[in-house]
Amino acid sequence: MKIKATELFILQCIIYVIFWMTNDYIATLLSTIFFFIFLSIYIIAFIAEKLDHSNVPNQYFSLMATGFLSPLIMYIIFYFLNGGKFNWMSN
């Protein structure tokens, strides 16, 4: 059973929404950390693929893109929903 990029994106968004609804401090940390980790892996893999073609399927790159796009999009959505101020910033 292969998972599609859209299914993975929706699943990740649901997980991030749960984090954002329960604790926005943890959600901010996880969104930031996962964004940079997945973006770094994606960039390194993309450069390596362009330098030396391998047999990695194209689905890998779309799955990795969901890894850094879903925390970024959820962060932006909740940033605007909270008016740019999170609860942990006021303490």
PDB file of N, CA and C in Angstrom:
ATOM      1  N   MET A   1       0.839  -1.179   0.000  1.00  0.00           N
ATOM      2  CA  MET A   1       0.000   0.000   0.000  1.00  0.00           C
ATOM      3  C   MET A   1       0.884   1.243   0.000  1.00  0.00           C
ATOM      4  N   LYS A   2       0.757   2.027  -1.025  1.00  0.00           N
ATOM      5  CA  LYS A   2       1.513   3.271  -1.113  1.00  0.00           C
ATOM      6  C   LYS A   2       0.656   4.425  -0.619  1.00  0.00           C
ATOM      7  N   ILE A   3       1.289   5.281   0.145  1.00  0.00           N
ATOM      8  CA  ILE A   3       0.581   6.463   0.617  1.00  0.00           C
ATOM      9  C   ILE A   3       0.875   7.607  -0.345  1.00  0.00           C
ATOM     10  N   LYS A   4      -0.154   8.348  -0.671  1.00  0.00           N
ATOM     11  CA  LYS A   4       0.004   9.469  -1.592  1.00  0.00           C
ATOM     12  C   LYS A   4       0.385  10.716  -0.816  1.00  0.00           C
ATOM     13  N   ALA A   5       0.954  11.665  -1.537  1.00  0.00           N
ATOM     14  CA  ALA A   5       1.422  12.898  -0.907  1.00  0.00           C
ATOM     15  C   ALA A   5       0.263  13.688  -0.299  1.00  0.00           C
ATOM     16  N   THR A   6      -0.879  13.697  -0.958  1.00  0.00           N
ATOM     17  CA  THR A   6      -2.009  14.457  -0.415  1.00  0.00           C
ATOM     18  C   THR A   6      -2.536  13.822   0.871  1.00  0.00           C
ATOM     19  N   GLU A   7      -2.552  12.486   0.909  1.00  0.00           N
ATOM     20  CA  GLU A   7      -2.996  11.805   2.125  1.00  0.00           C
ATOM     21  C   GLU A   7      -2.043  12.082   3.286  1.00  0.00           C
ATOM     22  N   LEU A   8      -0.753  12.048   3.010  1.00  0.00           N
ATOM     23  CA  LEU A   8       0.233  12.337   4.041  1.00  0.00           C
ATOM     24  C   LEU A   8       0.141  13.786   4.503  1.00  0.00           C
ATOM     25  N   PHE A   9      -0.097  14.695   3.565  1.00  0.00           N
ATOM     26  CA  PHE A   9      -0.231  16.107   3.906  1.00  0.00           C
ATOM     27  C   PHE A   9      -1.423  16.331   4.837  1.00  0.00           C
ATOM     28  N   ILE A  10      -2.552  15.722   4.516  1.00  0.00           N
ATOM     29  CA  ILE A  10      -3.749  15.877   5.347  1.00  0.00           C
ATOM     30  C   ILE A  10      -3.525  15.255   6.726  1.00  0.00           C
ATOM     31  N   LEU A  11      -2.899  14.100   6.778  1.00  0.00           N
ATOM     32  CA  LEU A  11      -2.606  13.454   8.052  1.00  0.00           C
ATOM     33  C   LEU A  11      -1.686  14.325   8.914  1.00  0.00           C
ATOM     34  N   GLN A  12      -0.654  14.885   8.310  1.00  0.00           N
ATOM     35  CA  GLN A  12       0.252  15.760   9.049  1.00  0.00           C
ATOM     36  C   GLN A  12      -0.465  17.017   9.522  1.00  0.00           C
ATOM     37  N   CYS A  13      -1.308  17.573   8.692  1.00  0.00           N
ATOM     38  CA  CYS A  13      -2.058  18.766   9.091  1.00  0.00           C
ATOM     39  C   CYS A  13      -2.972  18.474  10.277  1.00  0.00           C
ATOM     40  N   ILE A  14      -3.600  17.312  10.288  1.00  0.00           N
ATOM     41  CA  ILE A  14      -4.456  16.933  11.418  1.00  0.00           C
ATOM     42  C   ILE A  14      -3.629  16.825  12.693  1.00  0.00           C
ATOM     43  N   ILE A  15      -2.460  16.223  12.595  1.00  0.00           N
ATOM     44  CA  ILE A  15      -1.585  16.090  13.774  1.00  0.00           C
ATOM     45  C   ILE A  15      -1.142  17.461  14.263  1.00  0.00           C
ATOM     46  N   TYR A  16      -0.774  18.348  13.344  1.00  0.00           N
ATOM     47  CA  TYR A  16      -0.352  19.692  13.750  1.00  0.00           C
ATOM     48  C   TYR A  16      -1.513  20.490  14.343  1.00  0.00           C
ATOM     49  N   VAL A  17      -2.714  20.313  13.823  1.00  0.00           N
ATOM     50  CA  VAL A  17      -3.880  21.003  14.396  1.00  0.00           C
ATOM     51  C   VAL A  17      -4.105  20.542  15.832  1.00  0.00           C
ATOM     52  N   ILE A  18      -3.950  19.250  16.072  1.00  0.00           N
ATOM     53  CA  ILE A  18      -4.098  18.752  17.449  1.00  0.00           C
ATOM     54  C   ILE A  18      -3.071  19.399  18.361  1.00  0.00           C
ATOM     55  N   PHE A  19      -1.829  19.485  17.898  1.00  0.00           N
ATOM     56  CA  PHE A  19      -0.801  20.154  18.702  1.00  0.00           C
ATOM     57  C   PHE A  19      -1.143  21.623  18.933  1.00  0.00           C
ATOM     58  N   TRP A  20      -1.595  22.305  17.885  1.00  0.00           N
ATOM     59  CA  TRP A  20      -1.892  23.734  18.009  1.00  0.00           C
ATOM     60  C   TRP A  20      -3.076  23.978  18.927  1.00  0.00           C
ATOM     61  N   MET A  21      -4.035  23.082  18.935  1.00  0.00           N
ATOM     62  CA  MET A  21      -5.209  23.274  19.787  1.00  0.00           C
ATOM     63  C   MET A  21      -4.901  22.970  21.256  1.00  0.00           C
ATOM     64  N   THR A  22      -3.933  22.096  21.520  1.00  0.00           N
ATOM     65  CA  THR A  22      -3.634  21.738  22.900  1.00  0.00           C
ATOM     66  C   THR A  22      -2.569  22.631  23.522  1.00  0.00           C
ATOM     67  N   ASN A  23      -1.469  22.871  22.815  1.00  0.00           N
ATOM     68  CA  ASN A  23      -0.376  23.638  23.386  1.00  0.00           C
ATOM     69  C   ASN A  23       0.353  24.367  22.257  1.00  0.00           C
ATOM     70  N   ASP A  24       0.165  25.673  22.177  1.00  0.00           N
ATOM     71  CA  ASP A  24       0.756  26.395  21.060  1.00  0.00           C
ATOM     72  C   ASP A  24       2.274  26.555  21.189  1.00  0.00           C
ATOM     73  N   TYR A  25       2.821  26.454  22.391  1.00  0.00           N
ATOM     74  CA  TYR A  25       4.273  26.523  22.557  1.00  0.00           C
ATOM     75  C   TYR A  25       4.945  25.288  21.955  1.00  0.00           C
ATOM     76  N   ILE A  26       4.437  24.106  22.308  1.00  0.00           N
ATOM     77  CA  ILE A  26       4.972  22.865  21.748  1.00  0.00           C
ATOM     78  C   ILE A  26       4.760  22.837  20.240  1.00  0.00           C
ATOM     79  N   ALA A  27       3.604  23.299  19.792  1.00  0.00           N
ATOM     80  CA  ALA A  27       3.310  23.306  18.366  1.00  0.00           C
ATOM     81  C   ALA A  27       4.249  24.238  17.612  1.00  0.00           C
ATOM     82  N   THR A  28       4.566  25.385  18.199  1.00  0.00           N
ATOM     83  CA  THR A  28       5.506  26.308  17.559  1.00  0.00           C
ATOM     84  C   THR A  28       6.883  25.677  17.452  1.00  0.00           C
ATOM     85  N   LEU A  29       7.332  25.049  18.533  1.00  0.00           N
ATOM     86  CA  LEU A  29       8.640  24.388  18.507  1.00  0.00           C
ATOM     87  C   LEU A  29       8.683  23.256  17.485  1.00  0.00           C
ATOM     88  N   LEU A  30       7.679  22.388  17.519  1.00  0.00           N
ATOM     89  CA  LEU A  30       7.662  21.260  16.586  1.00  0.00           C
ATOM     90  C   LEU A  30       7.544  21.718  15.136  1.00  0.00           C
ATOM     91  N   SER A  31       6.711  22.715  14.889  1.00  0.00           N
ATOM     92  CA  SER A  31       6.560  23.214  13.525  1.00  0.00           C
ATOM     93  C   SER A  31       7.867  23.788  13.005  1.00  0.00           C
ATOM     94  N   THR A  32       8.547  24.542  13.835  1.00  0.00           N
ATOM     95  CA  THR A  32       9.806  25.144  13.419  1.00  0.00           C
ATOM     96  C   THR A  32      10.887  24.087  13.201  1.00  0.00           C
ATOM     97  N   ILE A  33      11.006  23.172  14.147  1.00  0.00           N
ATOM     98  CA  ILE A  33      12.041  22.140  14.044  1.00  0.00           C
ATOM     99  C   ILE A  33      11.796  21.228  12.854  1.00  0.00           C
ATOM    100  N   PHE A  34      10.566  20.729  12.711  1.00  0.00           N
ATOM    101  CA  PHE A  34      10.278  19.825  11.602  1.00  0.00           C
ATOM    102  C   PHE A  34      10.393  20.524  10.255  1.00  0.00           C
ATOM    103  N   PHE A  35      10.014  21.797  10.196  1.00  0.00           N
ATOM    104  CA  PHE A  35      10.155  22.537   8.944  1.00  0.00           C
ATOM    105  C   PHE A  35      11.610  22.561   8.498  1.00  0.00           C
ATOM    106  N   PHE A  36      12.511  22.934   9.389  1.00  0.00           N
ATOM    107  CA  PHE A  36      13.916  23.043   9.008  1.00  0.00           C
ATOM    108  C   PHE A  36      14.571  21.685   8.764  1.00  0.00           C
ATOM    109  N   ILE A  37      14.176  20.670   9.511  1.00  0.00           N
ATOM    110  CA  ILE A  37      14.742  19.339   9.285  1.00  0.00           C
ATOM    111  C   ILE A  37      14.332  18.802   7.921  1.00  0.00           C
ATOM    112  N   PHE A  38      13.032  18.838   7.631  1.00  0.00           N
ATOM    113  CA  PHE A  38      12.564  18.300   6.353  1.00  0.00           C
ATOM    114  C   PHE A  38      13.017  19.149   5.170  1.00  0.00           C
ATOM    115  N   LEU A  39      13.085  20.457   5.352  1.00  0.00           N
ATOM    116  CA  LEU A  39      13.577  21.312   4.271  1.00  0.00           C
ATOM    117  C   LEU A  39      15.040  21.020   3.985  1.00  0.00           C
ATOM    118  N   SER A  40      15.840  20.833   5.011  1.00  0.00           N
ATOM    119  CA  SER A  40      17.261  20.521   4.824  1.00  0.00           C
ATOM    120  C   SER A  40      17.450  19.186   4.108  1.00  0.00           C
ATOM    121  N   ILE A  41      16.708  18.183   4.542  1.00  0.00           N
ATOM    122  CA  ILE A  41      16.806  16.875   3.890  1.00  0.00           C
ATOM    123  C   ILE A  41      16.359  16.970   2.438  1.00  0.00           C
ATOM    124  N   TYR A  42      15.297  17.724   2.197  1.00  0.00           N
ATOM    125  CA  TYR A  42      14.790  17.877   0.830  1.00  0.00           C
ATOM    126  C   TYR A  42      15.828  18.565  -0.066  1.00  0.00           C
ATOM    127  N   ILE A  43      16.434  19.619   0.419  1.00  0.00           N
ATOM    128  CA  ILE A  43      17.419  20.353  -0.379  1.00  0.00           C
ATOM    129  C   ILE A  43      18.640  19.483  -0.663  1.00  0.00           C
ATOM    130  N   ILE A  44      19.139  18.786   0.361  1.00  0.00           N
ATOM    131  CA  ILE A  44      20.302  17.927   0.168  1.00  0.00           C
ATOM    132  C   ILE A  44      19.989  16.795  -0.806  1.00  0.00           C
ATOM    133  N   ALA A  45      18.826  16.173  -0.664  1.00  0.00           N
ATOM    134  CA  ALA A  45      18.441  15.083  -1.566  1.00  0.00           C
ATOM    135  C   ALA A  45      18.240  15.593  -2.990  1.00  0.00           C
ATOM    136  N   PHE A  46      17.675  16.786  -3.123  1.00  0.00           N
ATOM    137  CA  PHE A  46      17.455  17.343  -4.457  1.00  0.00           C
ATOM    138  C   PHE A  46      18.779  17.656  -5.144  1.00  0.00           C
ATOM    139  N   ILE A  47      19.711  18.245  -4.401  1.00  0.00           N
ATOM    140  CA  ILE A  47      21.025  18.544  -4.980  1.00  0.00           C
ATOM    141  C   ILE A  47      21.753  17.253  -5.342  1.00  0.00           C
ATOM    142  N   ALA A  48      21.703  16.264  -4.459  1.00  0.00           N
ATOM    143  CA  ALA A  48      22.349  14.981  -4.737  1.00  0.00           C
ATOM    144  C   ALA A  48      21.723  14.296  -5.949  1.00  0.00           C
ATOM    145  N   GLU A  49      20.432  14.432  -6.096  1.00  0.00           N
ATOM    146  CA  GLU A  49      19.750  13.829  -7.245  1.00  0.00           C
ATOM    147  C   GLU A  49      20.167  14.508  -8.548  1.00  0.00           C
ATOM    148  N   LYS A  50      20.350  15.820  -8.510  1.00  0.00           N
ATOM    149  CA  LYS A  50      20.753  16.537  -9.723  1.00  0.00           C
ATOM    150  C   LYS A  50      22.210  16.264 -10.079  1.00  0.00           C
ATOM    151  N   LEU A  51      23.054  16.086  -9.069  1.00  0.00           N
ATOM    152  CA  LEU A  51      24.462  15.817  -9.348  1.00  0.00           C
ATOM    153  C   LEU A  51      24.684  14.401  -9.863  1.00  0.00           C
ATOM    154  N   ASP A  52      24.027  13.445  -9.256  1.00  0.00           N
ATOM    155  CA  ASP A  52      24.185  12.052  -9.648  1.00  0.00           C
ATOM    156  C   ASP A  52      22.816  11.387  -9.613  1.00  0.00           C
ATOM    157  N   HIS A  53      22.267  11.118 -10.783  1.00  0.00           N
ATOM    158  CA  HIS A  53      20.925  10.555 -10.884  1.00  0.00           C
ATOM    159  C   HIS A  53      20.886   9.173 -10.236  1.00  0.00           C
ATOM    160  N   SER A  54      19.901   8.968  -9.384  1.00  0.00           N
ATOM    161  CA  SER A  54      19.728   7.678  -8.721  1.00  0.00           C
ATOM    162  C   SER A  54      18.356   7.126  -9.079  1.00  0.00           C
ATOM    163  N   ASN A  55      18.038   6.015  -8.509  1.00  0.00           N
ATOM    164  CA  ASN A  55      16.760   5.371  -8.797  1.00  0.00           C
ATOM    165  C   ASN A  55      15.699   5.715  -7.767  1.00  0.00           C
ATOM    166  N   VAL A  56      15.827   6.857  -7.116  1.00  0.00           N
ATOM    167  CA  VAL A  56      14.836   7.286  -6.143  1.00  0.00           C
ATOM    168  C   VAL A  56      13.591   7.749  -6.906  1.00  0.00           C
ATOM    169  N   PRO A  57      12.419   7.219  -6.551  1.00  0.00           N
ATOM    170  CA  PRO A  57      11.213   7.637  -7.279  1.00  0.00           C
ATOM    171  C   PRO A  57      10.863   9.094  -6.992  1.00  0.00           C
ATOM    172  N   ASN A  58      10.162   9.698  -7.915  1.00  0.00           N
ATOM    173  CA  ASN A  58       9.760  11.099  -7.766  1.00  0.00           C
ATOM    174  C   ASN A  58       8.806  11.298  -6.604  1.00  0.00           C
ATOM    175  N   GLN A  59       8.126  10.238  -6.203  1.00  0.00           N
ATOM    176  CA  GLN A  59       7.198  10.330  -5.080  1.00  0.00           C
ATOM    177  C   GLN A  59       7.946  10.696  -3.798  1.00  0.00           C
ATOM    178  N   TYR A  60       9.206  10.319  -3.697  1.00  0.00           N
ATOM    179  CA  TYR A  60      10.006  10.657  -2.517  1.00  0.00           C
ATOM    180  C   TYR A  60      10.071  12.161  -2.319  1.00  0.00           C
ATOM    181  N   PHE A  61      10.273  12.894  -3.401  1.00  0.00           N
ATOM    182  CA  PHE A  61      10.405  14.337  -3.295  1.00  0.00           C
ATOM    183  C   PHE A  61       9.070  15.001  -2.961  1.00  0.00           C
ATOM    184  N   SER A  62       7.986  14.469  -3.472  1.00  0.00           N
ATOM    185  CA  SER A  62       6.685  15.038  -3.116  1.00  0.00           C
ATOM    186  C   SER A  62       6.327  14.721  -1.662  1.00  0.00           C
ATOM    187  N   LEU A  63       6.708  13.544  -1.176  1.00  0.00           N
ATOM    188  CA  LEU A  63       6.474  13.221   0.231  1.00  0.00           C
ATOM    189  C   LEU A  63       7.332  14.084   1.141  1.00  0.00           C
ATOM    190  N   MET A  64       8.570  14.338   0.744  1.00  0.00           N
ATOM    191  CA  MET A  64       9.436  15.206   1.541  1.00  0.00           C
ATOM    192  C   MET A  64       8.926  16.647   1.528  1.00  0.00           C
ATOM    193  N   ALA A  65       8.356  17.061   0.411  1.00  0.00           N
ATOM    194  CA  ALA A  65       7.797  18.417   0.335  1.00  0.00           C
ATOM    195  C   ALA A  65       6.624  18.578   1.297  1.00  0.00           C
ATOM    196  N   THR A  66       5.823  17.545   1.457  1.00  0.00           N
ATOM    197  CA  THR A  66       4.737  17.635   2.436  1.00  0.00           C
ATOM    198  C   THR A  66       5.286  17.725   3.849  1.00  0.00           C
ATOM    199  N   GLY A  67       6.471  17.157   4.060  1.00  0.00           N
ATOM    200  CA  GLY A  67       7.090  17.196   5.375  1.00  0.00           C
ATOM    201  C   GLY A  67       7.445  18.589   5.831  1.00  0.00           C
ATOM    202  N   PHE A  68       7.819  19.458   4.895  1.00  0.00           N
ATOM    203  CA  PHE A  68       8.134  20.826   5.317  1.00  0.00           C
ATOM    204  C   PHE A  68       7.034  21.825   4.985  1.00  0.00           C
ATOM    205  N   LEU A  69       6.119  21.476   4.105  1.00  0.00           N
ATOM    206  CA  LEU A  69       5.029  22.404   3.793  1.00  0.00           C
ATOM    207  C   LEU A  69       3.911  22.367   4.832  1.00  0.00           C
ATOM    208  N   SER A  70       3.601  21.194   5.367  1.00  0.00           N
ATOM    209  CA  SER A  70       2.498  21.113   6.329  1.00  0.00           C
ATOM    210  C   SER A  70       2.784  21.877   7.626  1.00  0.00           C
ATOM    211  N   PRO A  71       3.980  21.783   8.249  1.00  0.00           N
ATOM    212  CA  PRO A  71       4.175  22.613   9.443  1.00  0.00           C
ATOM    213  C   PRO A  71       4.211  24.097   9.131  1.00  0.00           C
ATOM    214  N   LEU A  72       4.733  24.447   7.957  1.00  0.00           N
ATOM    215  CA  LEU A  72       4.776  25.864   7.572  1.00  0.00           C
ATOM    216  C   LEU A  72       3.374  26.418   7.382  1.00  0.00           C
ATOM    217  N   ILE A  73       2.534  25.693   6.689  1.00  0.00           N
ATOM    218  CA  ILE A  73       1.172  26.158   6.424  1.00  0.00           C
ATOM    219  C   ILE A  73       0.362  26.222   7.723  1.00  0.00           C
ATOM    220  N   MET A  74       0.502  25.209   8.581  1.00  0.00           N
ATOM    221  CA  MET A  74      -0.225  25.229   9.856  1.00  0.00           C
ATOM    222  C   MET A  74       0.265  26.365  10.751  1.00  0.00           C
ATOM    223  N   TYR A  75       1.549  26.647  10.734  1.00  0.00           N
ATOM    224  CA  TYR A  75       2.080  27.766  11.514  1.00  0.00           C
ATOM    225  C   TYR A  75       1.496  29.090  11.014  1.00  0.00           C
ATOM    226  N   ILE A  76       1.471  29.265   9.715  1.00  0.00           N
ATOM    227  CA  ILE A  76       0.936  30.511   9.141  1.00  0.00           C
ATOM    228  C   ILE A  76      -0.547  30.657   9.469  1.00  0.00           C
ATOM    229  N   ILE A  77      -1.308  29.576   9.340  1.00  0.00           N
ATOM    230  CA  ILE A  77      -2.745  29.632   9.626  1.00  0.00           C
ATOM    231  C   ILE A  77      -2.992  30.005  11.082  1.00  0.00           C
ATOM    232  N   PHE A  78      -2.314  29.331  12.008  1.00  0.00           N
ATOM    233  CA  PHE A  78      -2.551  29.609  13.416  1.00  0.00           C
ATOM    234  C   PHE A  78      -1.934  30.935  13.847  1.00  0.00           C
ATOM    235  N   TYR A  79      -0.919  31.391  13.147  1.00  0.00           N
ATOM    236  CA  TYR A  79      -0.366  32.717  13.431  1.00  0.00           C
ATOM    237  C   TYR A  79      -1.418  33.789  13.162  1.00  0.00           C
ATOM    238  N   PHE A  80      -2.098  33.678  12.037  1.00  0.00           N
ATOM    239  CA  PHE A  80      -3.129  34.662  11.716  1.00  0.00           C
ATOM    240  C   PHE A  80      -4.392  34.469  12.544  1.00  0.00           C
ATOM    241  N   LEU A  81      -4.734  33.228  12.891  1.00  0.00           N
ATOM    242  CA  LEU A  81      -5.899  33.000  13.741  1.00  0.00           C
ATOM    243  C   LEU A  81      -5.693  33.567  15.143  1.00  0.00           C
ATOM    244  N   ASN A  82      -4.468  33.537  15.638  1.00  0.00           N
ATOM    245  CA  ASN A  82      -4.167  34.073  16.962  1.00  0.00           C
ATOM    246  C   ASN A  82      -3.811  35.556  16.925  1.00  0.00           C
ATOM    247  N   GLY A  83      -3.882  36.164  15.790  1.00  0.00           N
ATOM    248  CA  GLY A  83      -3.580  37.585  15.675  1.00  0.00           C
ATOM    249  C   GLY A  83      -2.101  37.906  15.849  1.00  0.00           C
ATOM    250  N   GLY A  84      -1.242  36.929  15.583  1.00  0.00           N
ATOM    251  CA  GLY A  84       0.192  37.151  15.689  1.00  0.00           C
ATOM    252  C   GLY A  84       0.738  37.060  17.103  1.00  0.00           C
ATOM    253  N   LYS A  85      -0.121  36.737  18.057  1.00  0.00           N
ATOM    254  CA  LYS A  85       0.325  36.622  19.448  1.00  0.00           C
ATOM    255  C   LYS A  85      -0.087  35.262  19.987  1.00  0.00           C
ATOM    256  N   PHE A  86       0.894  34.541  20.479  1.00  0.00           N
ATOM    257  CA  PHE A  86       0.620  33.244  21.075  1.00  0.00           C
ATOM    258  C   PHE A  86       0.595  33.396  22.593  1.00  0.00           C
ATOM    259  N   ASN A  87      -0.042  32.427  23.260  1.00  0.00           N
ATOM    260  CA  ASN A  87      -0.174  32.481  24.720  1.00  0.00           C
ATOM    261  C   ASN A  87       1.182  32.477  25.408  1.00  0.00           C
ATOM    262  N   TRP A  88       2.130  31.723  24.891  1.00  0.00           N
ATOM    263  CA  TRP A  88       3.424  31.610  25.542  1.00  0.00           C
ATOM    264  C   TRP A  88       4.255  32.881  25.386  1.00  0.00           C
ATOM    265  N   MET A  89       3.898  33.760  24.484  1.00  0.00           N
ATOM    266  CA  MET A  89       4.645  35.000  24.298  1.00  0.00           C
ATOM    267  C   MET A  89       4.297  36.029  25.375  1.00  0.00           C
ATOM    268  N   SER A  90       3.139  35.909  25.992  1.00  0.00           N
ATOM    269  CA  SER A  90       2.708  36.900  26.963  1.00  0.00           C
ATOM    270  C   SER A  90       3.224  36.619  28.374  1.00  0.00           C
ATOM    271  N   ASN A  91       3.703  35.421  28.605  1.00  0.00           N
ATOM    272  CA  ASN A  91       4.199  35.069  29.952  1.00  0.00           C
ATOM    273  C   ASN A  91       5.650  35.402  30.118  1.00  0.00           C
TER     274      ASN A  91
END
